Amino acid sequence: MLLDEDYSTMPPDKRPRRGLSDADDEDEDYRRRRDRNNEAVKKSRFKSKQRTQETFTRVNKLKAENQMLEEKVKTLTKDLQFLKDLFLEYASNSQNSKFAGLDLEKLLEDVQDDKKDSKDSK
């Protein structure tokens, strides 16, 4: 009986086995299922963290690309405005017959609309 008392104070996984019973089989089956579930949970959490990290990386990349494209739009808008102004100046000062039929006032209105549109988009 002294040995039984010593075993009863030991943790269940440290106790020697006397033989397999139905309860032991059920415990082992339960333990096996718990271990499999724990592994599945670890794997699922790892994949979730990985997807989150990939999404975060993609968002940062797209933000940087968006900022670069916005700067390009600003530059191209300024270039377009400069070229329109240059053309209008040349056309209004020119004695060239190519511009005789052009409605420069209409072109000026378009330029003013473009200026307003570029300010609104900021």
PDB file of N, CA and C in Angstrom:
ATOM      1  N   MET A   1       0.805  -1.203   0.000  1.00  0.00           N
ATOM      2  CA  MET A   1       0.000   0.000   0.000  1.00  0.00           C
ATOM      3  C   MET A   1       0.842   1.258   0.000  1.00  0.00           C
ATOM      4  N   LEU A   2       2.001   1.143   0.549  1.00  0.00           N
ATOM      5  CA  LEU A   2       2.877   2.299   0.582  1.00  0.00           C
ATOM      6  C   LEU A   2       3.223   2.752  -0.832  1.00  0.00           C
ATOM      7  N   LEU A   3       3.409   1.796  -1.719  1.00  0.00           N
ATOM      8  CA  LEU A   3       3.731   2.139  -3.101  1.00  0.00           C
ATOM      9  C   LEU A   3       2.574   2.850  -3.780  1.00  0.00           C
ATOM     10  N   ASP A   4       1.345   2.432  -3.499  1.00  0.00           N
ATOM     11  CA  ASP A   4       0.189   3.078  -4.104  1.00  0.00           C
ATOM     12  C   ASP A   4       0.106   4.540  -3.698  1.00  0.00           C
ATOM     13  N   GLU A   5       0.422   4.814  -2.450  1.00  0.00           N
ATOM     14  CA  GLU A   5       0.385   6.201  -1.994  1.00  0.00           C
ATOM     15  C   GLU A   5       1.454   7.030  -2.688  1.00  0.00           C
ATOM     16  N   ASP A   6       2.632   6.442  -2.881  1.00  0.00           N
ATOM     17  CA  ASP A   6       3.699   7.166  -3.577  1.00  0.00           C
ATOM     18  C   ASP A   6       3.278   7.495  -5.009  1.00  0.00           C
ATOM     19  N   TYR A   7       2.616   6.565  -5.660  1.00  0.00           N
ATOM     20  CA  TYR A   7       2.188   6.788  -7.039  1.00  0.00           C
ATOM     21  C   TYR A   7       1.068   7.817  -7.116  1.00  0.00           C
ATOM     22  N   SER A   8       0.238   7.853  -6.100  1.00  0.00           N
ATOM     23  CA  SER A   8      -0.887   8.778  -6.140  1.00  0.00           C
ATOM     24  C   SER A   8      -0.438  10.231  -6.040  1.00  0.00           C
ATOM     25  N   THR A   9       0.726  10.455  -5.466  1.00  0.00           N
ATOM     26  CA  THR A   9       1.213  11.833  -5.370  1.00  0.00           C
ATOM     27  C   THR A   9       1.973  12.256  -6.626  1.00  0.00           C
ATOM     28  N   MET A  10       2.267  11.306  -7.492  1.00  0.00           N
ATOM     29  CA  MET A  10       2.991  11.616  -8.726  1.00  0.00           C
ATOM     30  C   MET A  10       2.015  12.140  -9.782  1.00  0.00           C
ATOM     31  N   PRO A  11       2.501  12.979 -10.664  1.00  0.00           N
ATOM     32  CA  PRO A  11       1.633  13.428 -11.765  1.00  0.00           C
ATOM     33  C   PRO A  11       1.244  12.238 -12.635  1.00  0.00           C
ATOM     34  N   PRO A  12       0.100  12.305 -13.285  1.00  0.00           N
ATOM     35  CA  PRO A  12      -0.397  11.150 -14.054  1.00  0.00           C
ATOM     36  C   PRO A  12       0.574  10.680 -15.137  1.00  0.00           C
ATOM     37  N   ASP A  13       1.281  11.568 -15.768  1.00  0.00           N
ATOM     38  CA  ASP A  13       2.175  11.132 -16.840  1.00  0.00           C
ATOM     39  C   ASP A  13       3.463  10.500 -16.316  1.00  0.00           C
ATOM     40  N   LYS A  14       3.741  10.605 -15.011  1.00  0.00           N
ATOM     41  CA  LYS A  14       4.946  10.018 -14.413  1.00  0.00           C
ATOM     42  C   LYS A  14       4.668   8.676 -13.736  1.00  0.00           C
ATOM     43  N   ARG A  15       3.402   8.355 -13.521  1.00  0.00           N
ATOM     44  CA  ARG A  15       3.043   7.105 -12.854  1.00  0.00           C
ATOM     45  C   ARG A  15       3.297   5.928 -13.794  1.00  0.00           C
ATOM     46  N   PRO A  16       3.785   4.835 -13.233  1.00  0.00           N
ATOM     47  CA  PRO A  16       3.956   3.650 -14.087  1.00  0.00           C
ATOM     48  C   PRO A  16       2.593   3.059 -14.428  1.00  0.00           C
ATOM     49  N   ARG A  17       2.506   2.459 -15.588  1.00  0.00           N
ATOM     50  CA  ARG A  17       1.237   1.869 -16.007  1.00  0.00           C
ATOM     51  C   ARG A  17       1.184   0.415 -15.567  1.00  0.00           C
ATOM     52  N   ARG A  18       0.049   0.057 -15.063  1.00  0.00           N
ATOM     53  CA  ARG A  18      -0.131  -1.331 -14.619  1.00  0.00           C
ATOM     54  C   ARG A  18      -0.704  -2.173 -15.753  1.00  0.00           C
ATOM     55  N   GLY A  19      -1.418  -1.541 -16.623  1.00  0.00           N
ATOM     56  CA  GLY A  19      -2.050  -2.248 -17.723  1.00  0.00           C
ATOM     57  C   GLY A  19      -3.051  -1.311 -18.375  1.00  0.00           C
ATOM     58  N   LEU A  20      -3.407  -1.599 -19.613  1.00  0.00           N
ATOM     59  CA  LEU A  20      -4.346  -0.727 -20.315  1.00  0.00           C
ATOM     60  C   LEU A  20      -5.777  -1.149 -20.010  1.00  0.00           C
ATOM     61  N   SER A  21      -6.566  -0.194 -19.658  1.00  0.00           N
ATOM     62  CA  SER A  21      -7.982  -0.442 -19.444  1.00  0.00           C
ATOM     63  C   SER A  21      -8.750   0.422 -20.437  1.00  0.00           C
ATOM     64  N   ASP A  22     -10.062   0.323 -20.415  1.00  0.00           N
ATOM     65  CA  ASP A  22     -10.876   1.141 -21.312  1.00  0.00           C
ATOM     66  C   ASP A  22     -10.684   2.624 -21.020  1.00  0.00           C
ATOM     67  N   ALA A  23     -10.576   2.969 -19.756  1.00  0.00           N
ATOM     68  CA  ALA A  23     -10.385   4.374 -19.381  1.00  0.00           C
ATOM     69  C   ALA A  23      -9.057   4.890 -19.917  1.00  0.00           C
ATOM     70  N   ASP A  24      -8.019   4.060 -19.848  1.00  0.00           N
ATOM     71  CA  ASP A  24      -6.711   4.473 -20.368  1.00  0.00           C
ATOM     72  C   ASP A  24      -6.767   4.666 -21.881  1.00  0.00           C
ATOM     73  N   ASP A  25      -7.474   3.780 -22.565  1.00  0.00           N
ATOM     74  CA  ASP A  25      -7.623   3.909 -24.020  1.00  0.00           C
ATOM     75  C   ASP A  25      -8.329   5.213 -24.374  1.00  0.00           C
ATOM     76  N   GLU A  26      -9.368   5.524 -23.621  1.00  0.00           N
ATOM     77  CA  GLU A  26     -10.106   6.757 -23.870  1.00  0.00           C
ATOM     78  C   GLU A  26      -9.232   7.973 -23.588  1.00  0.00           C
ATOM     79  N   ASP A  27      -8.445   7.906 -22.520  1.00  0.00           N
ATOM     80  CA  ASP A  27      -7.541   9.013 -22.196  1.00  0.00           C
ATOM     81  C   ASP A  27      -6.513   9.218 -23.305  1.00  0.00           C
ATOM     82  N   GLU A  28      -5.972   8.104 -23.803  1.00  0.00           N
ATOM     83  CA  GLU A  28      -4.979   8.213 -24.877  1.00  0.00           C
ATOM     84  C   GLU A  28      -5.607   8.769 -26.148  1.00  0.00           C
ATOM     85  N   ASP A  29      -6.815   8.324 -26.446  1.00  0.00           N
ATOM     86  CA  ASP A  29      -7.521   8.818 -27.628  1.00  0.00           C
ATOM     87  C   ASP A  29      -7.809  10.311 -27.478  1.00  0.00           C
ATOM     88  N   TYR A  30      -8.275  10.689 -26.307  1.00  0.00           N
ATOM     89  CA  TYR A  30      -8.536  12.105 -26.033  1.00  0.00           C
ATOM     90  C   TYR A  30      -7.252  12.916 -26.186  1.00  0.00           C
ATOM     91  N   ARG A  31      -6.165  12.431 -25.615  1.00  0.00           N
ATOM     92  CA  ARG A  31      -4.876  13.136 -25.683  1.00  0.00           C
ATOM     93  C   ARG A  31      -4.408  13.290 -27.138  1.00  0.00           C
ATOM     94  N   ARG A  32      -4.590  12.219 -27.903  1.00  0.00           N
ATOM     95  CA  ARG A  32      -4.207  12.238 -29.315  1.00  0.00           C
ATOM     96  C   ARG A  32      -5.027  13.289 -30.081  1.00  0.00           C
ATOM     97  N   ARG A  33      -6.331  13.310 -29.812  1.00  0.00           N
ATOM     98  CA  ARG A  33      -7.189  14.308 -30.472  1.00  0.00           C
ATOM     99  C   ARG A  33      -6.819  15.719 -30.051  1.00  0.00           C
ATOM    100  N   ARG A  34      -6.537  15.901 -28.769  1.00  0.00           N
ATOM    101  CA  ARG A  34      -6.142  17.230 -28.275  1.00  0.00           C
ATOM    102  C   ARG A  34      -4.833  17.676 -28.934  1.00  0.00           C
ATOM    103  N   ASP A  35      -3.867  16.770 -29.028  1.00  0.00           N
ATOM    104  CA  ASP A  35      -2.588  17.100 -29.663  1.00  0.00           C
ATOM    105  C   ASP A  35      -2.785  17.479 -31.128  1.00  0.00           C
ATOM    106  N   ARG A  36      -3.612  16.701 -31.831  1.00  0.00           N
ATOM    107  CA  ARG A  36      -3.877  17.022 -33.242  1.00  0.00           C
ATOM    108  C   ARG A  36      -4.558  18.378 -33.366  1.00  0.00           C
ATOM    109  N   ASN A  37      -5.510  18.634 -32.469  1.00  0.00           N
ATOM    110  CA  ASN A  37      -6.199  19.916 -32.507  1.00  0.00           C
ATOM    111  C   ASN A  37      -5.241  21.065 -32.199  1.00  0.00           C
ATOM    112  N   ASN A  38      -4.377  20.872 -31.224  1.00  0.00           N
ATOM    113  CA  ASN A  38      -3.400  21.917 -30.883  1.00  0.00           C
ATOM    114  C   ASN A  38      -2.494  22.223 -32.071  1.00  0.00           C
ATOM    115  N   GLU A  39      -2.065  21.191 -32.786  1.00  0.00           N
ATOM    116  CA  GLU A  39      -1.224  21.400 -33.972  1.00  0.00           C
ATOM    117  C   GLU A  39      -2.003  22.145 -35.051  1.00  0.00           C
ATOM    118  N   ALA A  40      -3.266  21.777 -35.237  1.00  0.00           N
ATOM    119  CA  ALA A  40      -4.097  22.449 -36.241  1.00  0.00           C
ATOM    120  C   ALA A  40      -4.291  23.920 -35.888  1.00  0.00           C
ATOM    121  N   VAL A  41      -4.482  24.205 -34.621  1.00  0.00           N
ATOM    122  CA  VAL A  41      -4.648  25.590 -34.172  1.00  0.00           C
ATOM    123  C   VAL A  41      -3.372  26.385 -34.418  1.00  0.00           C
ATOM    124  N   LYS A  42      -2.230  25.797 -34.094  1.00  0.00           N
ATOM    125  CA  LYS A  42      -0.949  26.485 -34.333  1.00  0.00           C
ATOM    126  C   LYS A  42      -0.779  26.800 -35.811  1.00  0.00           C
ATOM    127  N   LYS A  43      -1.075  25.816 -36.640  1.00  0.00           N
ATOM    128  CA  LYS A  43      -0.934  25.985 -38.086  1.00  0.00           C
ATOM    129  C   LYS A  43      -1.885  27.074 -38.591  1.00  0.00           C
ATOM    130  N   SER A  44      -3.112  27.052 -38.121  1.00  0.00           N
ATOM    131  CA  SER A  44      -4.107  28.041 -38.531  1.00  0.00           C
ATOM    132  C   SER A  44      -3.700  29.452 -38.112  1.00  0.00           C
ATOM    133  N   ARG A  45      -3.235  29.593 -36.896  1.00  0.00           N
ATOM    134  CA  ARG A  45      -2.803  30.910 -36.410  1.00  0.00           C
ATOM    135  C   ARG A  45      -1.591  31.410 -37.180  1.00  0.00           C
ATOM    136  N   PHE A  46      -0.669  30.512 -37.490  1.00  0.00           N
ATOM    137  CA  PHE A  46       0.513  30.898 -38.266  1.00  0.00           C
ATOM    138  C   PHE A  46       0.100  31.401 -39.649  1.00  0.00           C
ATOM    139  N   LYS A  47      -0.802  30.661 -40.304  1.00  0.00           N
ATOM    140  CA  LYS A  47      -1.265  31.076 -41.629  1.00  0.00           C
ATOM    141  C   LYS A  47      -1.996  32.412 -41.563  1.00  0.00           C
ATOM    142  N   SER A  48      -2.777  32.610 -40.528  1.00  0.00           N
ATOM    143  CA  SER A  48      -3.499  33.869 -40.363  1.00  0.00           C
ATOM    144  C   SER A  48      -2.528  35.034 -40.200  1.00  0.00           C
ATOM    145  N   LYS A  49      -1.509  34.850 -39.373  1.00  0.00           N
ATOM    146  CA  LYS A  49      -0.500  35.895 -39.189  1.00  0.00           C
ATOM    147  C   LYS A  49       0.239  36.159 -40.490  1.00  0.00           C
ATOM    148  N   GLN A  50       0.519  35.102 -41.219  1.00  0.00           N
ATOM    149  CA  GLN A  50       1.228  35.241 -42.492  1.00  0.00           C
ATOM    150  C   GLN A  50       0.371  36.035 -43.491  1.00  0.00           C
ATOM    151  N   ARG A  51      -0.909  35.721 -43.582  1.00  0.00           N
ATOM    152  CA  ARG A  51      -1.807  36.458 -44.483  1.00  0.00           C
ATOM    153  C   ARG A  51      -1.901  37.919 -44.074  1.00  0.00           C
ATOM    154  N   THR A  52      -1.985  38.170 -42.774  1.00  0.00           N
ATOM    155  CA  THR A  52      -2.043  39.548 -42.284  1.00  0.00           C
ATOM    156  C   THR A  52      -0.780  40.306 -42.669  1.00  0.00           C
ATOM    157  N   GLN A  53       0.366  39.677 -42.498  1.00  0.00           N
ATOM    158  CA  GLN A  53       1.638  40.317 -42.849  1.00  0.00           C
ATOM    159  C   GLN A  53       1.715  40.587 -44.353  1.00  0.00           C
ATOM    160  N   GLU A  54       1.280  39.635 -45.165  1.00  0.00           N
ATOM    161  CA  GLU A  54       1.290  39.828 -46.618  1.00  0.00           C
ATOM    162  C   GLU A  54       0.367  40.975 -47.015  1.00  0.00           C
ATOM    163  N   THR A  55      -0.791  41.059 -46.387  1.00  0.00           N
ATOM    164  CA  THR A  55      -1.725  42.146 -46.678  1.00  0.00           C
ATOM    165  C   THR A  55      -1.123  43.483 -46.280  1.00  0.00           C
ATOM    166  N   PHE A  56      -0.503  43.536 -45.116  1.00  0.00           N
ATOM    167  CA  PHE A  56       0.136  44.764 -44.642  1.00  0.00           C
ATOM    168  C   PHE A  56       1.229  45.213 -45.616  1.00  0.00           C
ATOM    169  N   THR A  57       2.045  44.269 -46.075  1.00  0.00           N
ATOM    170  CA  THR A  57       3.111  44.576 -47.027  1.00  0.00           C
ATOM    171  C   THR A  57       2.524  45.096 -48.334  1.00  0.00           C
ATOM    172  N   ARG A  58       1.472  44.450 -48.808  1.00  0.00           N
ATOM    173  CA  ARG A  58       0.834  44.875 -50.062  1.00  0.00           C
ATOM    174  C   ARG A  58       0.228  46.268 -49.920  1.00  0.00           C
ATOM    175  N   VAL A  59      -0.402  46.552 -48.808  1.00  0.00           N
ATOM    176  CA  VAL A  59      -0.988  47.878 -48.577  1.00  0.00           C
ATOM    177  C   VAL A  59       0.099  48.946 -48.618  1.00  0.00           C
ATOM    178  N   ASN A  60       1.213  48.700 -47.950  1.00  0.00           N
ATOM    179  CA  ASN A  60       2.307  49.679 -47.952  1.00  0.00           C
ATOM    180  C   ASN A  60       2.867  49.888 -49.354  1.00  0.00           C
ATOM    181  N   LYS A  61       3.000  48.811 -50.098  1.00  0.00           N
ATOM    182  CA  LYS A  61       3.505  48.910 -51.469  1.00  0.00           C
ATOM    183  C   LYS A  61       2.544  49.729 -52.331  1.00  0.00           C
ATOM    184  N   LEU A  62       1.253  49.463 -52.203  1.00  0.00           N
ATOM    185  CA  LEU A  62       0.262  50.195 -52.988  1.00  0.00           C
ATOM    186  C   LEU A  62       0.189  51.668 -52.587  1.00  0.00           C
ATOM    187  N   LYS A  63       0.367  51.960 -51.302  1.00  0.00           N
ATOM    188  CA  LYS A  63       0.390  53.360 -50.865  1.00  0.00           C
ATOM    189  C   LYS A  63       1.557  54.103 -51.500  1.00  0.00           C
ATOM    190  N   ALA A  64       2.720  53.476 -51.509  1.00  0.00           N
ATOM    191  CA  ALA A  64       3.905  54.097 -52.110  1.00  0.00           C
ATOM    192  C   ALA A  64       3.699  54.303 -53.608  1.00  0.00           C
ATOM    193  N   GLU A  65       3.143  53.309 -54.264  1.00  0.00           N
ATOM    194  CA  GLU A  65       2.883  53.425 -55.703  1.00  0.00           C
ATOM    195  C   GLU A  65       1.866  54.527 -55.977  1.00  0.00           C
ATOM    196  N   ASN A  66       0.839  54.606 -55.146  1.00  0.00           N
ATOM    197  CA  ASN A  66      -0.182  55.639 -55.307  1.00  0.00           C
ATOM    198  C   ASN A  66       0.421  57.032 -55.150  1.00  0.00           C
ATOM    199  N   GLN A  67       1.264  57.204 -54.161  1.00  0.00           N
ATOM    200  CA  GLN A  67       1.898  58.501 -53.944  1.00  0.00           C
ATOM    201  C   GLN A  67       2.769  58.881 -55.146  1.00  0.00           C
ATOM    202  N   MET A  68       3.503  57.917 -55.672  1.00  0.00           N
ATOM    203  CA  MET A  68       4.346  58.169 -56.834  1.00  0.00           C
ATOM    204  C   MET A  68       3.486  58.575 -58.040  1.00  0.00           C
ATOM    205  N   LEU A  69       2.371  57.896 -58.240  1.00  0.00           N
ATOM    206  CA  LEU A  69       1.488  58.218 -59.358  1.00  0.00           C
ATOM    207  C   LEU A  69       0.836  59.591 -59.188  1.00  0.00           C
ATOM    208  N   GLU A  70       0.491  59.951 -57.957  1.00  0.00           N
ATOM    209  CA  GLU A  70      -0.070  61.284 -57.718  1.00  0.00           C
ATOM    210  C   GLU A  70       0.943  62.370 -58.058  1.00  0.00           C
ATOM    211  N   GLU A  71       2.197  62.147 -57.700  1.00  0.00           N
ATOM    212  CA  GLU A  71       3.252  63.107 -58.045  1.00  0.00           C
ATOM    213  C   GLU A  71       3.416  63.205 -59.558  1.00  0.00           C
ATOM    214  N   LYS A  72       3.327  62.081 -60.231  1.00  0.00           N
ATOM    215  CA  LYS A  72       3.453  62.075 -61.691  1.00  0.00           C
ATOM    216  C   LYS A  72       2.299  62.847 -62.322  1.00  0.00           C
ATOM    217  N   VAL A  73       1.093  62.669 -61.800  1.00  0.00           N
ATOM    218  CA  VAL A  73      -0.070  63.401 -62.312  1.00  0.00           C
ATOM    219  C   VAL A  73       0.136  64.900 -62.131  1.00  0.00           C
ATOM    220  N   LYS A  74       0.627  65.316 -60.966  1.00  0.00           N
ATOM    221  CA  LYS A  74       0.883  66.742 -60.721  1.00  0.00           C
ATOM    222  C   LYS A  74       1.893  67.287 -61.722  1.00  0.00           C
ATOM    223  N   THR A  75       2.970  66.547 -61.945  1.00  0.00           N
ATOM    224  CA  THR A  75       4.011  66.985 -62.875  1.00  0.00           C
ATOM    225  C   THR A  75       3.459  67.090 -64.291  1.00  0.00           C
ATOM    226  N   LEU A  76       2.725  66.085 -64.715  1.00  0.00           N
ATOM    227  CA  LEU A  76       2.165  66.103 -66.069  1.00  0.00           C
ATOM    228  C   LEU A  76       1.119  67.198 -66.232  1.00  0.00           C
ATOM    229  N   THR A  77       0.359  67.471 -65.194  1.00  0.00           N
ATOM    230  CA  THR A  77      -0.629  68.553 -65.245  1.00  0.00           C
ATOM    231  C   THR A  77       0.069  69.901 -65.399  1.00  0.00           C
ATOM    232  N   LYS A  78       1.152  70.097 -64.650  1.00  0.00           N
ATOM    233  CA  LYS A  78       1.918  71.345 -64.778  1.00  0.00           C
ATOM    234  C   LYS A  78       2.520  71.469 -66.169  1.00  0.00           C
ATOM    235  N   ASP A  79       3.069  70.368 -66.691  1.00  0.00           N
ATOM    236  CA  ASP A  79       3.645  70.388 -68.039  1.00  0.00           C
ATOM    237  C   ASP A  79       2.589  70.720 -69.083  1.00  0.00           C
ATOM    238  N   LEU A  80       1.425  70.114 -68.957  1.00  0.00           N
ATOM    239  CA  LEU A  80       0.338  70.380 -69.892  1.00  0.00           C
ATOM    240  C   LEU A  80      -0.076  71.843 -69.834  1.00  0.00           C
ATOM    241  N   GLN A  81      -0.197  72.370 -68.637  1.00  0.00           N
ATOM    242  CA  GLN A  81      -0.587  73.775 -68.491  1.00  0.00           C
ATOM    243  C   GLN A  81       0.457  74.693 -69.122  1.00  0.00           C
ATOM    244  N   PHE A  82       1.728  74.391 -68.907  1.00  0.00           N
ATOM    245  CA  PHE A  82       2.804  75.187 -69.495  1.00  0.00           C
ATOM    246  C   PHE A  82       2.717  75.161 -71.018  1.00  0.00           C
ATOM    247  N   LEU A  83       2.509  73.976 -71.586  1.00  0.00           N
ATOM    248  CA  LEU A  83       2.428  73.859 -73.046  1.00  0.00           C
ATOM    249  C   LEU A  83       1.200  74.570 -73.604  1.00  0.00           C
ATOM    250  N   LYS A  84       0.079  74.502 -72.903  1.00  0.00           N
ATOM    251  CA  LYS A  84      -1.112  75.232 -73.356  1.00  0.00           C
ATOM    252  C   LYS A  84      -0.867  76.736 -73.326  1.00  0.00           C
ATOM    253  N   ASP A  85      -0.269  77.200 -72.234  1.00  0.00           N
ATOM    254  CA  ASP A  85       0.033  78.634 -72.139  1.00  0.00           C
ATOM    255  C   ASP A  85       0.989  79.060 -73.245  1.00  0.00           C
ATOM    256  N   LEU A  86       1.992  78.267 -73.497  1.00  0.00           N
ATOM    257  CA  LEU A  86       2.966  78.558 -74.548  1.00  0.00           C
ATOM    258  C   LEU A  86       2.292  78.586 -75.913  1.00  0.00           C
ATOM    259  N   PHE A  87       1.443  77.620 -76.171  1.00  0.00           N
ATOM    260  CA  PHE A  87       0.726  77.580 -77.444  1.00  0.00           C
ATOM    261  C   PHE A  87      -0.171  78.796 -77.604  1.00  0.00           C
ATOM    262  N   LEU A  88      -0.926  79.119 -76.572  1.00  0.00           N
ATOM    263  CA  LEU A  88      -1.836  80.266 -76.665  1.00  0.00           C
ATOM    264  C   LEU A  88      -1.068  81.563 -76.878  1.00  0.00           C
ATOM    265  N   GLU A  89       0.056  81.693 -76.220  1.00  0.00           N
ATOM    266  CA  GLU A  89       0.873  82.894 -76.405  1.00  0.00           C
ATOM    267  C   GLU A  89       1.377  82.968 -77.845  1.00  0.00           C
ATOM    268  N   TYR A  90       1.852  81.863 -78.350  1.00  0.00           N
ATOM    269  CA  TYR A  90       2.355  81.827 -79.719  1.00  0.00           C
ATOM    270  C   TYR A  90       1.223  82.091 -80.709  1.00  0.00           C
ATOM    271  N   ALA A  91       0.083  81.462 -80.507  1.00  0.00           N
ATOM    272  CA  ALA A  91      -1.041  81.597 -81.431  1.00  0.00           C
ATOM    273  C   ALA A  91      -1.605  83.006 -81.427  1.00  0.00           C
ATOM    274  N   SER A  92      -1.661  83.647 -80.281  1.00  0.00           N
ATOM    275  CA  SER A  92      -2.231  84.996 -80.221  1.00  0.00           C
ATOM    276  C   SER A  92      -1.278  86.040 -80.787  1.00  0.00           C
ATOM    277  N   ASN A  93       0.020  85.800 -80.752  1.00  0.00           N
ATOM    278  CA  ASN A  93       1.005  86.747 -81.276  1.00  0.00           C
ATOM    279  C   ASN A  93       1.397  86.444 -82.714  1.00  0.00           C
ATOM    280  N   SER A  94       0.957  85.381 -83.245  1.00  0.00           N
ATOM    281  CA  SER A  94       1.400  84.946 -84.566  1.00  0.00           C
ATOM    282  C   SER A  94       0.576  85.601 -85.664  1.00  0.00           C
ATOM    283  N   GLN A  95       1.246  85.882 -86.743  1.00  0.00           N
ATOM    284  CA  GLN A  95       0.568  86.398 -87.929  1.00  0.00           C
ATOM    285  C   GLN A  95       0.304  85.248 -88.898  1.00  0.00           C
ATOM    286  N   ASN A  96       0.536  84.054 -88.417  1.00  0.00           N
ATOM    287  CA  ASN A  96       0.415  82.863 -89.237  1.00  0.00           C
ATOM    288  C   ASN A  96      -1.048  82.595 -89.556  1.00  0.00           C
ATOM    289  N   SER A  97      -1.317  82.248 -90.794  1.00  0.00           N
ATOM    290  CA  SER A  97      -2.700  81.999 -91.215  1.00  0.00           C
ATOM    291  C   SER A  97      -3.239  80.674 -90.654  1.00  0.00           C
ATOM    292  N   LYS A  98      -2.386  79.824 -90.123  1.00  0.00           N
ATOM    293  CA  LYS A  98      -2.851  78.553 -89.544  1.00  0.00           C
ATOM    294  C   LYS A  98      -3.819  78.790 -88.389  1.00  0.00           C
ATOM    295  N   PHE A  99      -3.631  79.898 -87.692  1.00  0.00           N
ATOM    296  CA  PHE A  99      -4.436  80.166 -86.492  1.00  0.00           C
ATOM    297  C   PHE A  99      -5.600  81.110 -86.761  1.00  0.00           C
ATOM    298  N   ALA A 100      -5.792  81.469 -88.015  1.00  0.00           N
ATOM    299  CA  ALA A 100      -6.830  82.444 -88.353  1.00  0.00           C
ATOM    300  C   ALA A 100      -8.222  81.926 -87.998  1.00  0.00           C
ATOM    301  N   GLY A 101      -8.492  80.650 -88.203  1.00  0.00           N
ATOM    302  CA  GLY A 101      -9.821  80.110 -87.951  1.00  0.00           C
ATOM    303  C   GLY A 101     -10.038  79.633 -86.526  1.00  0.00           C
ATOM    304  N   LEU A 102      -9.025  79.656 -85.698  1.00  0.00           N
ATOM    305  CA  LEU A 102      -9.148  79.149 -84.329  1.00  0.00           C
ATOM    306  C   LEU A 102      -9.832  80.158 -83.422  1.00  0.00           C
ATOM    307  N   ASP A 103     -10.686  79.650 -82.577  1.00  0.00           N
ATOM    308  CA  ASP A 103     -11.322  80.499 -81.572  1.00  0.00           C
ATOM    309  C   ASP A 103     -10.451  80.455 -80.319  1.00  0.00           C
ATOM    310  N   LEU A 104      -9.546  81.411 -80.207  1.00  0.00           N
ATOM    311  CA  LEU A 104      -8.611  81.431 -79.080  1.00  0.00           C
ATOM    312  C   LEU A 104      -9.324  81.657 -77.753  1.00  0.00           C
ATOM    313  N   GLU A 105     -10.433  82.355 -77.785  1.00  0.00           N
ATOM    314  CA  GLU A 105     -11.199  82.563 -76.547  1.00  0.00           C
ATOM    315  C   GLU A 105     -11.726  81.223 -76.015  1.00  0.00           C
ATOM    316  N   LYS A 106     -12.161  80.371 -76.931  1.00  0.00           N
ATOM    317  CA  LYS A 106     -12.640  79.049 -76.521  1.00  0.00           C
ATOM    318  C   LYS A 106     -11.486  78.243 -75.926  1.00  0.00           C
ATOM    319  N   LEU A 107     -10.308  78.322 -76.540  1.00  0.00           N
ATOM    320  CA  LEU A 107      -9.137  77.637 -76.001  1.00  0.00           C
ATOM    321  C   LEU A 107      -8.785  78.161 -74.617  1.00  0.00           C
ATOM    322  N   LEU A 108      -8.902  79.474 -74.436  1.00  0.00           N
ATOM    323  CA  LEU A 108      -8.618  80.059 -73.121  1.00  0.00           C
ATOM    324  C   LEU A 108      -9.597  79.541 -72.070  1.00  0.00           C
ATOM    325  N   GLU A 109     -10.869  79.411 -72.463  1.00  0.00           N
ATOM    326  CA  GLU A 109     -11.860  78.873 -71.527  1.00  0.00           C
ATOM    327  C   GLU A 109     -11.482  77.446 -71.119  1.00  0.00           C
ATOM    328  N   ASP A 110     -11.063  76.644 -72.100  1.00  0.00           N
ATOM    329  CA  ASP A 110     -10.642  75.272 -71.803  1.00  0.00           C
ATOM    330  C   ASP A 110      -9.466  75.262 -70.841  1.00  0.00           C
ATOM    331  N   VAL A 111      -8.529  76.182 -71.035  1.00  0.00           N
ATOM    332  CA  VAL A 111      -7.362  76.261 -70.160  1.00  0.00           C
ATOM    333  C   VAL A 111      -7.797  76.639 -68.751  1.00  0.00           C
ATOM    334  N   GLN A 112      -8.711  77.579 -68.640  1.00  0.00           N
ATOM    335  CA  GLN A 112      -9.196  77.973 -67.319  1.00  0.00           C
ATOM    336  C   GLN A 112      -9.921  76.807 -66.646  1.00  0.00           C
ATOM    337  N   ASP A 113     -10.712  76.057 -67.426  1.00  0.00           N
ATOM    338  CA  ASP A 113     -11.391  74.876 -66.878  1.00  0.00           C
ATOM    339  C   ASP A 113     -10.378  73.853 -66.386  1.00  0.00           C
ATOM    340  N   ASP A 114      -9.298  73.659 -67.149  1.00  0.00           N
ATOM    341  CA  ASP A 114      -8.254  72.710 -66.750  1.00  0.00           C
ATOM    342  C   ASP A 114      -7.582  73.154 -65.461  1.00  0.00           C
ATOM    343  N   LYS A 115      -7.330  74.467 -65.341  1.00  0.00           N
ATOM    344  CA  LYS A 115      -6.701  74.979 -64.116  1.00  0.00           C
ATOM    345  C   LYS A 115      -7.608  74.708 -62.920  1.00  0.00           C
ATOM    346  N   LYS A 116      -8.912  74.980 -63.122  1.00  0.00           N
ATOM    347  CA  LYS A 116      -9.869  74.768 -62.042  1.00  0.00           C
ATOM    348  C   LYS A 116      -9.953  73.280 -61.681  1.00  0.00           C
ATOM    349  N   ASP A 117      -9.978  72.405 -62.681  1.00  0.00           N
ATOM    350  CA  ASP A 117     -10.041  70.960 -62.437  1.00  0.00           C
ATOM    351  C   ASP A 117      -8.824  70.477 -61.674  1.00  0.00           C
ATOM    352  N   SER A 118      -7.645  70.985 -62.022  1.00  0.00           N
ATOM    353  CA  SER A 118      -6.430  70.531 -61.339  1.00  0.00           C
ATOM    354  C   SER A 118      -6.410  71.008 -59.891  1.00  0.00           C
ATOM    355  N   LYS A 119      -6.972  72.174 -59.625  1.00  0.00           N
ATOM    356  CA  LYS A 119      -7.053  72.654 -58.240  1.00  0.00           C
ATOM    357  C   LYS A 119      -8.069  71.834 -57.448  1.00  0.00           C
ATOM    358  N   ASP A 120      -9.182  71.467 -58.093  1.00  0.00           N
ATOM    359  CA  ASP A 120     -10.220  70.684 -57.421  1.00  0.00           C
ATOM    360  C   ASP A 120      -9.742  69.277 -57.084  1.00  0.00           C
ATOM    361  N   SER A 121      -8.872  68.724 -57.918  1.00  0.00           N
ATOM    362  CA  SER A 121      -8.414  67.356 -57.680  1.00  0.00           C
ATOM    363  C   SER A 121      -7.404  67.273 -56.553  1.00  0.00           C
ATOM    364  N   LYS A 122      -6.882  68.364 -56.079  1.00  0.00           N
ATOM    365  CA  LYS A 122      -5.897  68.364 -54.986  1.00  0.00           C
ATOM    366  C   LYS A 122      -6.551  68.157 -53.703  1.00  0.00           C
TER     367      LYS A 122
END
